[in-house]
C-alpha cells in the first residue's frame, strides 16, 4: 500500500503530515498502484480517478 498524498510506501517513514493535509485535500496517488490520479475538485467535493483501479469520491 502507498500513501495517497505523497505516493511513497505507507509502511515506511512518517506520514503524519500527509494525514493532516488529507483532511483538506483530495488524494493525489492511488494507494494500490502508486499511479498519479486525475483529480477534479468541485464545490460539493472531489473525484479522483485511477486508470487501473477506478474512481474515489468524497
Protein backbone atom coordinates (compact mmCIF):
# COMPACT_ATOMS: atom_id res chain seq x y z
CA UNK A 1 0.00 0.00 0.00
CA UNK A 2 1.11 3.54 -0.78
CA UNK A 3 0.39 6.93 0.74
CA UNK A 4 -2.35 8.59 -1.33
CA UNK A 5 -0.83 12.04 -0.83
CA UNK A 6 2.93 11.62 -1.43
CA UNK A 7 2.95 8.27 -3.24
CA UNK A 8 5.63 6.70 -1.02
CA UNK A 9 5.38 3.34 0.75
CA UNK A 10 2.82 3.82 3.54
CA UNK A 11 4.63 1.40 5.86
CA UNK A 12 7.90 3.35 5.77
CA UNK A 13 8.53 6.83 7.09
CA UNK A 14 6.29 9.25 8.94
CA UNK A 15 3.12 10.21 7.09
CA UNK A 16 1.61 12.39 9.84
CA UNK A 17 1.93 15.49 7.65
CA UNK A 18 0.26 13.64 4.78
CA UNK A 19 -2.62 12.58 7.03
CA UNK A 20 -3.10 16.15 8.26
CA UNK A 21 -3.06 17.53 4.70
CA UNK A 22 -5.52 14.88 3.51
CA UNK A 23 -8.18 16.31 5.81
CA UNK A 24 -8.32 19.32 3.48
CA UNK A 25 -7.09 17.92 0.14
CA UNK A 26 -8.15 15.09 -2.18
CA UNK A 27 -5.81 12.11 -2.73
CA UNK A 28 -3.18 12.54 -5.46
CA UNK A 29 -1.83 8.98 -5.80
CA UNK A 30 -3.62 5.63 -6.00
CA UNK A 31 -2.96 3.79 -2.73
CA UNK A 32 -2.96 0.42 -4.54
CA UNK A 33 -0.64 1.04 -7.50
CA UNK A 34 1.03 4.45 -6.83
CA UNK A 35 -0.18 5.92 -10.12
CA UNK A 36 -0.92 9.63 -10.20
CA UNK A 37 -4.69 10.07 -10.26
CA UNK A 38 -6.78 12.53 -12.24
CA UNK A 39 -8.42 14.76 -9.61
CA UNK A 40 -11.37 17.09 -10.06
CA UNK A 41 -12.45 19.39 -7.23
CA UNK A 42 -15.97 20.85 -7.25
CA UNK A 43 -17.80 22.91 -4.60
CA UNK A 44 -19.58 19.80 -3.30
CA UNK A 45 -16.50 17.55 -3.05
CA UNK A 46 -13.93 15.83 -5.25
CA UNK A 47 -13.39 12.83 -7.52
CA UNK A 48 -10.06 11.08 -8.06
CA UNK A 49 -9.68 8.53 -10.84
CA UNK A 50 -7.03 5.84 -11.31
CA UNK A 51 -6.92 4.25 -14.76
CA UNK A 52 -6.32 0.85 -13.15
CA UNK A 53 -8.49 0.93 -10.00
CA UNK A 54 -11.39 3.27 -10.76
CA UNK A 55 -12.82 6.35 -9.10
CA UNK A 56 -12.90 7.51 -5.48
CA UNK A 57 -15.18 10.33 -4.31
CA UNK A 58 -15.63 12.48 -1.24
